[in-house]
Amino acid sequence: MLPYVVALLIIAGIYALLTISLDLQYGFTGLVNFGIVAFFAIGAYGSALVTLAGYPVALGFVTAIAAAAVAALPIGALAVRLREDYLAIVTLGFSEVVRLVLLNEEWLTKGSLGLPGIPRPFGALPAGWADLAYLGLVLACNAAVVLIVKRVVGSPFGRLIQAIRDNEVTVVSLGKSPAGAKVRALLVGAGIAGLAGALYAHYITFIVPDQFLPIVTFYVWMAMILGGVGSLRGSLVGAAVLVVILEGTRFVRDLVPGVAEVEMASVRLALVGILLVVFMLFRPQGLLGSPGRQ
């Protein structure tokens, strides 16, 4: 039972990082990013390729953060020119482009065969202790990211991006330029998603492009909405609730007779959607407050 709980906490911690990344971009800046999974994938593959080449895991993590942030630059350039709906379409398309590149550039990513044997930190420890140590690493990364983002949000830059979110026209009328602030928020958020990707790759130790489908982006949006848009604490709680919901629906087959195994994925997704609709009806502001609250 303990290994199962530890595994759930690790996955929840990884999703918490993704949710914080999205919350910084959308909850605090107003950038609609439907391609968060792209930066997650870039971070995972970046760290995996570096460590499989024999370099230290720490360098892999740095590469993951840098690669995801650099990949966000063209999206940042578009973000200052597009309205919310068009930016959403562009980022969704970008995530699919990244996945197709990972699938087809076999010389680098091995395509659908994936990358096996990704080294996991603390692998020399006994199995149970190794998982606990990895959980400690994930929690440490979450704590560091929360502290950094909290300082960013509480700084003059943080107040600027929240003003852009609330009323960009007013910001422009006061002589401020939203463009640079939007790009920086997008880059920081992408770097956090890249870190989450690195943690995921080194925990799973095997990655393929099909692990980075658009549904991952849907899950991250769901976690942010559940916790509360514009709330760092809400990001953590929302990710934990998301994992509980996803894992809890695995046992639905025991309660619903006559459902084939291949049909359970669709049933689970439908249940998750229904739960989200019900939640939005009765708690639209999320579990922890309203937009703008830390």
C-alpha atoms as a PDB file:
ATOM      1  CA  MET A   1       0.000   0.000   0.000  1.00  0.00           C
ATOM      2  CA  LEU A   2       2.804   2.433   0.883  1.00  0.00           C
ATOM      3  CA  PRO A   3       4.536   2.146  -2.537  1.00  0.00           C
ATOM      4  CA  TYR A   4       1.196   2.893  -4.227  1.00  0.00           C
ATOM      5  CA  VAL A   5       0.648   5.999  -2.081  1.00  0.00           C
ATOM      6  CA  VAL A   6       4.212   7.192  -2.725  1.00  0.00           C
ATOM      7  CA  ALA A   7       3.709   6.728  -6.474  1.00  0.00           C
ATOM      8  CA  LEU A   8       0.486   8.757  -6.360  1.00  0.00           C
ATOM      9  CA  LEU A   9       2.214  11.546  -4.420  1.00  0.00           C
ATOM     10  CA  ILE A  10       5.047  11.678  -6.957  1.00  0.00           C
ATOM     11  CA  ILE A  11       2.613  11.947  -9.883  1.00  0.00           C
ATOM     12  CA  ALA A  12       0.591  14.552  -7.972  1.00  0.00           C
ATOM     13  CA  GLY A  13       3.777  16.559  -7.379  1.00  0.00           C
ATOM     14  CA  ILE A  14       4.631  16.460 -11.085  1.00  0.00           C
ATOM     15  CA  TYR A  15       1.119  17.602 -12.004  1.00  0.00           C
ATOM     16  CA  ALA A  16       1.373  20.320  -9.358  1.00  0.00           C
ATOM     17  CA  LEU A  17       4.382  21.774 -11.189  1.00  0.00           C
ATOM     18  CA  LEU A  18       2.475  21.691 -14.474  1.00  0.00           C
ATOM     19  CA  THR A  19      -0.493  23.394 -12.821  1.00  0.00           C
ATOM     20  CA  ILE A  20       1.696  26.129 -11.324  1.00  0.00           C
ATOM     21  CA  SER A  21       3.210  26.652 -14.771  1.00  0.00           C
ATOM     22  CA  LEU A  22      -0.215  27.088 -16.338  1.00  0.00           C
ATOM     23  CA  ASP A  23      -1.461  29.212 -13.450  1.00  0.00           C
ATOM     24  CA  LEU A  24       1.420  31.641 -13.893  1.00  0.00           C
ATOM     25  CA  GLN A  25       0.640  31.953 -17.591  1.00  0.00           C
ATOM     26  CA  TYR A  26      -3.159  32.033 -17.448  1.00  0.00           C
ATOM     27  CA  GLY A  27      -4.173  32.652 -13.830  1.00  0.00           C
ATOM     28  CA  PHE A  28      -1.799  35.572 -13.291  1.00  0.00           C
ATOM     29  CA  THR A  29      -1.076  36.808 -16.839  1.00  0.00           C
ATOM     30  CA  GLY A  30      -4.164  35.860 -18.847  1.00  0.00           C
ATOM     31  CA  LEU A  31      -2.331  33.857 -21.528  1.00  0.00           C
ATOM     32  CA  VAL A  32      -4.489  30.974 -22.758  1.00  0.00           C
ATOM     33  CA  ASN A  33      -2.042  28.099 -23.233  1.00  0.00           C
ATOM     34  CA  PHE A  34      -3.602  24.921 -24.612  1.00  0.00           C
ATOM     35  CA  GLY A  35      -0.166  23.484 -25.364  1.00  0.00           C
ATOM     36  CA  ILE A  36       1.349  23.020 -21.900  1.00  0.00           C
ATOM     37  CA  VAL A  37       2.000  19.362 -22.752  1.00  0.00           C
ATOM     38  CA  ALA A  38       4.470  20.463 -25.450  1.00  0.00           C
ATOM     39  CA  PHE A  39       6.842  22.002 -22.893  1.00  0.00           C
ATOM     40  CA  PHE A  40       6.283  18.981 -20.634  1.00  0.00           C
ATOM     41  CA  ALA A  41       7.392  16.727 -23.500  1.00  0.00           C
ATOM     42  CA  ILE A  42      10.372  18.907 -24.422  1.00  0.00           C
ATOM     43  CA  GLY A  43      11.577  18.823 -20.831  1.00  0.00           C
ATOM     44  CA  ALA A  44      11.159  15.051 -20.615  1.00  0.00           C
ATOM     45  CA  TYR A  45      13.022  14.342 -23.840  1.00  0.00           C
ATOM     46  CA  GLY A  46      15.655  16.998 -23.222  1.00  0.00           C
ATOM     47  CA  SER A  47      16.659  15.560 -19.861  1.00  0.00           C
ATOM     48  CA  ALA A  48      16.373  11.956 -21.080  1.00  0.00           C
ATOM     49  CA  LEU A  49      18.638  12.525 -24.091  1.00  0.00           C
ATOM     50  CA  VAL A  50      21.272  14.315 -22.029  1.00  0.00           C
ATOM     51  CA  THR A  51      21.415  11.680 -19.291  1.00  0.00           C
ATOM     52  CA  LEU A  52      21.315   8.764 -21.734  1.00  0.00           C
ATOM     53  CA  ALA A  53      24.380  10.327 -23.351  1.00  0.00           C
ATOM     54  CA  GLY A  54      26.172   9.856 -20.018  1.00  0.00           C
ATOM     55  CA  TYR A  55      25.864  13.294 -18.484  1.00  0.00           C
ATOM     56  CA  PRO A  56      24.701  13.882 -14.877  1.00  0.00           C
ATOM     57  CA  VAL A  57      21.002  14.014 -14.042  1.00  0.00           C
ATOM     58  CA  ALA A  58      21.426  17.547 -12.673  1.00  0.00           C
ATOM     59  CA  LEU A  59      22.606  18.697 -16.115  1.00  0.00           C
ATOM     60  CA  GLY A  60      19.602  16.934 -17.616  1.00  0.00           C
ATOM     61  CA  PHE A  61      17.268  18.947 -15.387  1.00  0.00           C
ATOM     62  CA  VAL A  62      18.964  22.212 -16.359  1.00  0.00           C
ATOM     63  CA  THR A  63      18.716  21.235 -20.033  1.00  0.00           C
ATOM     64  CA  ALA A  64      15.026  20.432 -19.632  1.00  0.00           C
ATOM     65  CA  ILE A  65      14.264  23.844 -18.137  1.00  0.00           C
ATOM     66  CA  ALA A  66      16.354  25.717 -20.726  1.00  0.00           C
ATOM     67  CA  ALA A  67      15.036  23.751 -23.727  1.00  0.00           C
ATOM     68  CA  ALA A  68      11.401  24.268 -22.727  1.00  0.00           C
ATOM     69  CA  ALA A  69      11.961  27.988 -22.140  1.00  0.00           C
ATOM     70  CA  VAL A  70      13.722  28.433 -25.502  1.00  0.00           C
ATOM     71  CA  ALA A  71      10.931  26.524 -27.260  1.00  0.00           C
ATOM     72  CA  ALA A  72       8.452  29.002 -25.782  1.00  0.00           C
ATOM     73  CA  LEU A  73      10.132  31.973 -27.486  1.00  0.00           C
ATOM     74  CA  PRO A  74       8.209  31.736 -30.791  1.00  0.00           C
ATOM     75  CA  ILE A  75       4.953  31.254 -28.875  1.00  0.00           C
ATOM     76  CA  GLY A  76       5.851  34.339 -26.834  1.00  0.00           C
ATOM     77  CA  ALA A  77       6.368  36.322 -30.009  1.00  0.00           C
ATOM     78  CA  LEU A  78       2.882  35.319 -31.140  1.00  0.00           C
ATOM     79  CA  ALA A  79       1.312  35.891 -27.722  1.00  0.00           C
ATOM     80  CA  VAL A  80       1.822  39.646 -27.979  1.00  0.00           C
ATOM     81  CA  ARG A  81      -0.028  39.757 -31.313  1.00  0.00           C
ATOM     82  CA  LEU A  82      -2.913  37.318 -30.896  1.00  0.00           C
ATOM     83  CA  ARG A  83      -6.184  37.467 -28.978  1.00  0.00           C
ATOM     84  CA  GLU A  84      -6.955  34.793 -26.424  1.00  0.00           C
ATOM     85  CA  ASP A  85      -8.917  32.489 -28.744  1.00  0.00           C
ATOM     86  CA  TYR A  86      -6.292  32.559 -31.496  1.00  0.00           C
ATOM     87  CA  LEU A  87      -3.469  32.015 -29.010  1.00  0.00           C
ATOM     88  CA  ALA A  88      -5.314  28.963 -27.684  1.00  0.00           C
ATOM     89  CA  ILE A  89      -5.484  27.489 -31.198  1.00  0.00           C
ATOM     90  CA  VAL A  90      -1.822  28.235 -31.897  1.00  0.00           C
ATOM     91  CA  THR A  91      -0.586  26.655 -28.662  1.00  0.00           C
ATOM     92  CA  LEU A  92      -2.756  23.568 -29.213  1.00  0.00           C
ATOM     93  CA  GLY A  93      -1.313  23.204 -32.711  1.00  0.00           C
ATOM     94  CA  PHE A  94       2.193  23.728 -31.356  1.00  0.00           C
ATOM     95  CA  SER A  95       1.769  20.829 -28.922  1.00  0.00           C
ATOM     96  CA  GLU A  96       0.771  18.516 -31.758  1.00  0.00           C
ATOM     97  CA  VAL A  97       3.717  19.680 -33.868  1.00  0.00           C
ATOM     98  CA  VAL A  98       6.084  18.858 -31.014  1.00  0.00           C
ATOM     99  CA  ARG A  99       4.546  15.402 -30.582  1.00  0.00           C
ATOM    100  CA  LEU A 100       4.783  14.663 -34.309  1.00  0.00           C
ATOM    101  CA  VAL A 101       8.418  15.777 -34.376  1.00  0.00           C
ATOM    102  CA  LEU A 102       9.173  13.447 -31.462  1.00  0.00           C
ATOM    103  CA  LEU A 103       7.349  10.648 -33.288  1.00  0.00           C
ATOM    104  CA  ASN A 104       9.027  11.090 -36.669  1.00  0.00           C
ATOM    105  CA  GLU A 105      12.598  12.185 -35.847  1.00  0.00           C
ATOM    106  CA  GLU A 106      13.672   8.625 -35.066  1.00  0.00           C
ATOM    107  CA  TRP A 107      17.396   9.428 -35.374  1.00  0.00           C
ATOM    108  CA  LEU A 108      17.070  11.467 -32.195  1.00  0.00           C
ATOM    109  CA  THR A 109      14.024  10.249 -30.264  1.00  0.00           C
ATOM    110  CA  LYS A 110      13.652   6.652 -31.613  1.00  0.00           C
ATOM    111  CA  GLY A 111      10.109   7.550 -32.574  1.00  0.00           C
ATOM    112  CA  SER A 112       7.381   5.181 -31.439  1.00  0.00           C
ATOM    113  CA  LEU A 113       9.985   2.849 -29.913  1.00  0.00           C
ATOM    114  CA  GLY A 114      10.630   5.441 -27.229  1.00  0.00           C
ATOM    115  CA  LEU A 115      13.605   6.026 -24.974  1.00  0.00           C
ATOM    116  CA  PRO A 116      14.126   3.225 -22.427  1.00  0.00           C
ATOM    117  CA  GLY A 117      16.587   3.015 -19.570  1.00  0.00           C
ATOM    118  CA  ILE A 118      16.432   6.644 -18.466  1.00  0.00           C
ATOM    119  CA  PRO A 119      18.482   6.799 -15.241  1.00  0.00           C
ATOM    120  CA  ARG A 120      16.566   7.507 -12.045  1.00  0.00           C
ATOM    121  CA  PRO A 121      18.193   9.432  -9.186  1.00  0.00           C
ATOM    122  CA  PHE A 122      18.734   7.397  -6.014  1.00  0.00           C
ATOM    123  CA  GLY A 123      18.641   4.204  -8.084  1.00  0.00           C
ATOM    124  CA  ALA A 124      21.342   2.669  -5.901  1.00  0.00           C
ATOM    125  CA  LEU A 125      19.031   2.685  -2.876  1.00  0.00           C
ATOM    126  CA  PRO A 126      16.651  -0.192  -2.084  1.00  0.00           C
ATOM    127  CA  ALA A 127      13.352   0.042  -3.999  1.00  0.00           C
ATOM    128  CA  GLY A 128      11.210   1.488  -1.198  1.00  0.00           C
ATOM    129  CA  TRP A 129      13.829   3.984  -0.059  1.00  0.00           C
ATOM    130  CA  ALA A 130      14.562   5.013  -3.657  1.00  0.00           C
ATOM    131  CA  ASP A 131      10.914   5.935  -4.186  1.00  0.00           C
ATOM    132  CA  LEU A 132      10.778   7.882  -0.930  1.00  0.00           C
ATOM    133  CA  ALA A 133      13.953   9.749  -1.871  1.00  0.00           C
ATOM    134  CA  TYR A 134      12.493  10.572  -5.279  1.00  0.00           C
ATOM    135  CA  LEU A 135       9.329  11.827  -3.600  1.00  0.00           C
ATOM    136  CA  GLY A 136      11.552  14.089  -1.497  1.00  0.00           C
ATOM    137  CA  LEU A 137      13.140  15.424  -4.688  1.00  0.00           C
ATOM    138  CA  VAL A 138       9.730  16.128  -6.224  1.00  0.00           C
ATOM    139  CA  LEU A 139       8.536  17.893  -3.067  1.00  0.00           C
ATOM    140  CA  ALA A 140      11.750  19.936  -2.916  1.00  0.00           C
ATOM    141  CA  CYS A 141      11.244  21.035  -6.531  1.00  0.00           C
ATOM    142  CA  ASN A 142       7.644  22.002  -5.738  1.00  0.00           C
ATOM    143  CA  ALA A 143       8.727  24.011  -2.691  1.00  0.00           C
ATOM    144  CA  ALA A 144      11.420  25.827  -4.669  1.00  0.00           C
ATOM    145  CA  VAL A 145       9.068  26.619  -7.554  1.00  0.00           C
ATOM    146  CA  VAL A 146       6.305  27.854  -5.216  1.00  0.00           C
ATOM    147  CA  LEU A 147       8.755  30.169  -3.447  1.00  0.00           C
ATOM    148  CA  ILE A 148      10.102  31.515  -6.735  1.00  0.00           C
ATOM    149  CA  VAL A 149       6.668  32.063  -8.283  1.00  0.00           C
ATOM    150  CA  LYS A 150       5.353  33.613  -5.067  1.00  0.00           C
ATOM    151  CA  ARG A 151       8.196  36.131  -5.110  1.00  0.00           C
ATOM    152  CA  VAL A 152       7.628  36.811  -8.806  1.00  0.00           C
ATOM    153  CA  VAL A 153       3.899  37.364  -8.303  1.00  0.00           C
ATOM    154  CA  GLY A 154       4.503  39.625  -5.318  1.00  0.00           C
ATOM    155  CA  SER A 155       7.073  41.767  -7.144  1.00  0.00           C
ATOM    156  CA  PRO A 156       6.388  44.827  -9.336  1.00  0.00           C
ATOM    157  CA  PHE A 157       6.606  42.488 -12.324  1.00  0.00           C
ATOM    158  CA  GLY A 158       3.926  40.298 -10.748  1.00  0.00           C
ATOM    159  CA  ARG A 159       1.642  43.258 -10.242  1.00  0.00           C
ATOM    160  CA  LEU A 160       2.217  44.230 -13.878  1.00  0.00           C
ATOM    161  CA  ILE A 161       1.225  40.835 -15.288  1.00  0.00           C
ATOM    162  CA  GLN A 162      -1.877  40.759 -13.083  1.00  0.00           C
ATOM    163  CA  ALA A 163      -2.801  44.202 -14.372  1.00  0.00           C
ATOM    164  CA  ILE A 164      -2.342  42.905 -17.924  1.00  0.00           C
ATOM    165  CA  ARG A 165      -4.648  40.015 -17.094  1.00  0.00           C
ATOM    166  CA  ASP A 166      -7.322  42.311 -15.676  1.00  0.00           C
ATOM    167  CA  ASN A 167      -7.196  45.140 -18.216  1.00  0.00           C
ATOM    168  CA  GLU A 168      -4.454  45.298 -20.819  1.00  0.00           C
ATOM    169  CA  VAL A 169      -5.803  48.508 -22.363  1.00  0.00           C
ATOM    170  CA  THR A 170      -5.396  50.331 -19.064  1.00  0.00           C
ATOM    171  CA  VAL A 171      -1.817  49.089 -18.761  1.00  0.00           C
ATOM    172  CA  VAL A 172      -1.005  50.460 -22.216  1.00  0.00           C
ATOM    173  CA  SER A 173      -2.672  53.780 -21.395  1.00  0.00           C
ATOM    174  CA  LEU A 174      -0.363  54.111 -18.379  1.00  0.00           C
ATOM    175  CA  GLY A 175       2.684  53.843 -20.620  1.00  0.00           C
ATOM    176  CA  LYS A 176       3.581  50.232 -19.819  1.00  0.00           C
ATOM    177  CA  SER A 177       4.413  47.647 -22.483  1.00  0.00           C
ATOM    178  CA  PRO A 178       2.612  44.324 -22.004  1.00  0.00           C
ATOM    179  CA  ALA A 179       4.668  42.525 -24.675  1.00  0.00           C
ATOM    180  CA  GLY A 180       7.843  41.934 -22.686  1.00  0.00           C
ATOM    181  CA  ALA A 181       5.955  40.937 -19.546  1.00  0.00           C
ATOM    182  CA  LYS A 182       3.857  38.392 -21.465  1.00  0.00           C
ATOM    183  CA  VAL A 183       6.922  36.807 -23.035  1.00  0.00           C
ATOM    184  CA  ARG A 184       8.740  36.541 -19.707  1.00  0.00           C
ATOM    185  CA  ALA A 185       5.720  34.983 -17.993  1.00  0.00           C
ATOM    186  CA  LEU A 186       5.422  32.466 -20.804  1.00  0.00           C
ATOM    187  CA  LEU A 187       9.129  31.589 -20.628  1.00  0.00           C
ATOM    188  CA  VAL A 188       9.115  31.106 -16.859  1.00  0.00           C
ATOM    189  CA  GLY A 189       5.996  28.958 -17.053  1.00  0.00           C
ATOM    190  CA  ALA A 190       7.480  26.863 -19.855  1.00  0.00           C
ATOM    191  CA  GLY A 191      10.656  26.326 -17.839  1.00  0.00           C
ATOM    192  CA  ILE A 192       8.596  25.020 -14.897  1.00  0.00           C
ATOM    193  CA  ALA A 193       6.750  22.643 -17.243  1.00  0.00           C
ATOM    194  CA  GLY A 194      10.124  21.479 -18.562  1.00  0.00           C
ATOM    195  CA  LEU A 195      11.234  20.699 -15.012  1.00  0.00           C
ATOM    196  CA  ALA A 196       8.038  18.661 -14.528  1.00  0.00           C
ATOM    197  CA  GLY A 197       8.848  16.775 -17.730  1.00  0.00           C
ATOM    198  CA  ALA A 198      12.339  15.932 -16.487  1.00  0.00           C
ATOM    199  CA  LEU A 199      10.975  14.635 -13.173  1.00  0.00           C
ATOM    200  CA  TYR A 200       8.418  12.538 -15.064  1.00  0.00           C
ATOM    201  CA  ALA A 201      10.980  11.036 -17.451  1.00  0.00           C
ATOM    202  CA  HIS A 202      13.400  10.054 -14.692  1.00  0.00           C
ATOM    203  CA  TYR A 203      10.596   8.564 -12.608  1.00  0.00           C
ATOM    204  CA  ILE A 204       8.960   6.525 -15.376  1.00  0.00           C
ATOM    205  CA  THR A 205      12.400   5.744 -16.960  1.00  0.00           C
ATOM    206  CA  PHE A 206      10.742   5.135 -20.351  1.00  0.00           C
ATOM    207  CA  ILE A 207       9.051   7.732 -22.542  1.00  0.00           C
ATOM    208  CA  VAL A 208       7.261   7.632 -25.902  1.00  0.00           C
ATOM    209  CA  PRO A 209       5.481  10.424 -27.818  1.00  0.00           C
ATOM    210  CA  ASP A 210       2.044   8.940 -27.045  1.00  0.00           C
ATOM    211  CA  GLN A 211       2.533   9.842 -23.374  1.00  0.00           C
ATOM    212  CA  PHE A 212       2.257  13.514 -24.351  1.00  0.00           C
ATOM    213  CA  LEU A 213      -1.202  13.749 -25.891  1.00  0.00           C
ATOM    214  CA  PRO A 214      -3.452  16.845 -25.646  1.00  0.00           C
ATOM    215  CA  ILE A 215      -5.446  15.149 -22.876  1.00  0.00           C
ATOM    216  CA  VAL A 216      -2.550  15.927 -20.533  1.00  0.00           C
ATOM    217  CA  THR A 217      -3.213  19.618 -21.150  1.00  0.00           C
ATOM    218  CA  PHE A 218      -6.889  19.014 -20.348  1.00  0.00           C
ATOM    219  CA  TYR A 219      -5.916  17.390 -17.036  1.00  0.00           C
ATOM    220  CA  VAL A 220      -3.702  20.337 -16.117  1.00  0.00           C
ATOM    221  CA  TRP A 221      -6.465  22.830 -16.902  1.00  0.00           C
ATOM    222  CA  MET A 222      -8.816  20.723 -14.816  1.00  0.00           C
ATOM    223  CA  ALA A 223      -6.408  20.765 -11.876  1.00  0.00           C
ATOM    224  CA  MET A 224      -6.072  24.556 -12.087  1.00  0.00           C
ATOM    225  CA  ILE A 225      -9.840  25.065 -12.245  1.00  0.00           C
ATOM    226  CA  LEU A 226     -10.432  22.674  -9.352  1.00  0.00           C
ATOM    227  CA  GLY A 227      -7.882  24.404  -7.152  1.00  0.00           C
ATOM    228  CA  GLY A 228      -8.757  27.954  -8.137  1.00  0.00           C
ATOM    229  CA  VAL A 229      -7.420  30.103 -10.963  1.00  0.00           C
ATOM    230  CA  GLY A 230      -4.725  32.499  -9.778  1.00  0.00           C
ATOM    231  CA  SER A 231      -3.966  30.574  -6.577  1.00  0.00           C
ATOM    232  CA  LEU A 232      -0.635  28.894  -5.917  1.00  0.00           C
ATOM    233  CA  ARG A 233      -2.073  26.882  -3.042  1.00  0.00           C
ATOM    234  CA  GLY A 234      -4.958  26.016  -5.303  1.00  0.00           C
ATOM    235  CA  SER A 235      -2.530  24.609  -7.875  1.00  0.00           C
ATOM    236  CA  LEU A 236      -1.145  22.188  -5.312  1.00  0.00           C
ATOM    237  CA  VAL A 237      -4.562  21.165  -4.013  1.00  0.00           C
ATOM    238  CA  GLY A 238      -6.050  20.943  -7.502  1.00  0.00           C
ATOM    239  CA  ALA A 239      -3.291  18.604  -8.680  1.00  0.00           C
ATOM    240  CA  ALA A 240      -3.836  16.358  -5.659  1.00  0.00           C
ATOM    241  CA  VAL A 241      -7.613  16.278  -6.230  1.00  0.00           C
ATOM    242  CA  LEU A 242      -7.060  15.527  -9.920  1.00  0.00           C
ATOM    243  CA  VAL A 243      -4.895  12.498  -9.145  1.00  0.00           C
ATOM    244  CA  VAL A 244      -7.461  11.267  -6.608  1.00  0.00           C
ATOM    245  CA  ILE A 245     -10.233  11.580  -9.214  1.00  0.00           C
ATOM    246  CA  LEU A 246      -8.213   9.871 -11.949  1.00  0.00           C
ATOM    247  CA  GLU A 247      -7.201   7.023  -9.675  1.00  0.00           C
ATOM    248  CA  GLY A 248     -10.621   6.728  -8.071  1.00  0.00           C
ATOM    249  CA  THR A 249     -12.329   6.264 -11.432  1.00  0.00           C
ATOM    250  CA  ARG A 250     -10.099   3.252 -12.113  1.00  0.00           C
ATOM    251  CA  PHE A 251     -12.297   1.249  -9.767  1.00  0.00           C
ATOM    252  CA  VAL A 252     -15.546   2.156 -11.521  1.00  0.00           C
ATOM    253  CA  ARG A 253     -15.410  -1.062 -13.547  1.00  0.00           C
ATOM    254  CA  ASP A 254     -15.959  -3.013 -10.338  1.00  0.00           C
ATOM    255  CA  LEU A 255     -19.198  -1.084  -9.787  1.00  0.00           C
ATOM    256  CA  VAL A 256     -20.498  -1.048 -13.371  1.00  0.00           C
ATOM    257  CA  PRO A 257     -21.067  -4.553 -14.737  1.00  0.00           C
ATOM    258  CA  GLY A 258     -21.021  -5.237 -18.441  1.00  0.00           C
ATOM    259  CA  VAL A 259     -18.365  -2.649 -19.329  1.00  0.00           C
ATOM    260  CA  ALA A 260     -15.498  -4.093 -21.340  1.00  0.00           C
ATOM    261  CA  GLU A 261     -11.916  -3.247 -20.470  1.00  0.00           C
ATOM    262  CA  VAL A 262     -11.397  -1.352 -23.727  1.00  0.00           C
ATOM    263  CA  GLU A 263     -14.477   0.770 -22.986  1.00  0.00           C
ATOM    264  CA  MET A 264     -13.353   1.803 -19.522  1.00  0.00           C
ATOM    265  CA  ALA A 265     -11.082   4.584 -20.767  1.00  0.00           C
ATOM    266  CA  SER A 266     -14.068   6.339 -22.371  1.00  0.00           C
ATOM    267  CA  VAL A 267     -16.239   5.744 -19.299  1.00  0.00           C
ATOM    268  CA  ARG A 268     -13.556   7.167 -17.005  1.00  0.00           C
ATOM    269  CA  LEU A 269     -13.121  10.240 -19.190  1.00  0.00           C
ATOM    270  CA  ALA A 270     -16.884  10.801 -19.233  1.00  0.00           C
ATOM    271  CA  LEU A 271     -17.020  10.539 -15.433  1.00  0.00           C
ATOM    272  CA  VAL A 272     -14.160  13.004 -15.080  1.00  0.00           C
ATOM    273  CA  GLY A 273     -15.994  15.423 -17.381  1.00  0.00           C
ATOM    274  CA  ILE A 274     -19.236  15.081 -15.412  1.00  0.00           C
ATOM    275  CA  LEU A 275     -17.402  15.693 -12.131  1.00  0.00           C
ATOM    276  CA  LEU A 276     -15.802  18.818 -13.589  1.00  0.00           C
ATOM    277  CA  VAL A 277     -19.170  20.160 -14.799  1.00  0.00           C
ATOM    278  CA  VAL A 278     -20.782  19.528 -11.399  1.00  0.00           C
ATOM    279  CA  PHE A 279     -17.845  21.194  -9.662  1.00  0.00           C
ATOM    280  CA  MET A 280     -18.082  24.264 -11.892  1.00  0.00           C
ATOM    281  CA  LEU A 281     -21.798  24.547 -11.156  1.00  0.00           C
ATOM    282  CA  PHE A 282     -21.400  24.528  -7.386  1.00  0.00           C
ATOM    283  CA  ARG A 283     -17.877  25.902  -6.899  1.00  0.00           C
ATOM    284  CA  PRO A 284     -16.909  27.926 -10.002  1.00  0.00           C
ATOM    285  CA  GLN A 285     -14.180  29.855  -8.160  1.00  0.00           C
ATOM    286  CA  GLY A 286     -12.310  26.655  -7.265  1.00  0.00           C
ATOM    287  CA  LEU A 287     -11.473  25.216  -3.890  1.00  0.00           C
ATOM    288  CA  LEU A 288      -9.174  28.020  -2.790  1.00  0.00           C
ATOM    289  CA  GLY A 289     -10.493  31.405  -3.683  1.00  0.00           C
ATOM    290  CA  SER A 290     -10.868  33.668  -6.664  1.00  0.00           C
ATOM    291  CA  PRO A 291      -8.508  34.802  -9.445  1.00  0.00           C
ATOM    292  CA  GLY A 292      -5.622  36.893  -8.200  1.00  0.00           C
ATOM    293  CA  ARG A 293      -5.464  35.253  -4.783  1.00  0.00           C
ATOM    294  CA  GLN A 294      -2.164  33.592  -3.817  1.00  0.00           C
END
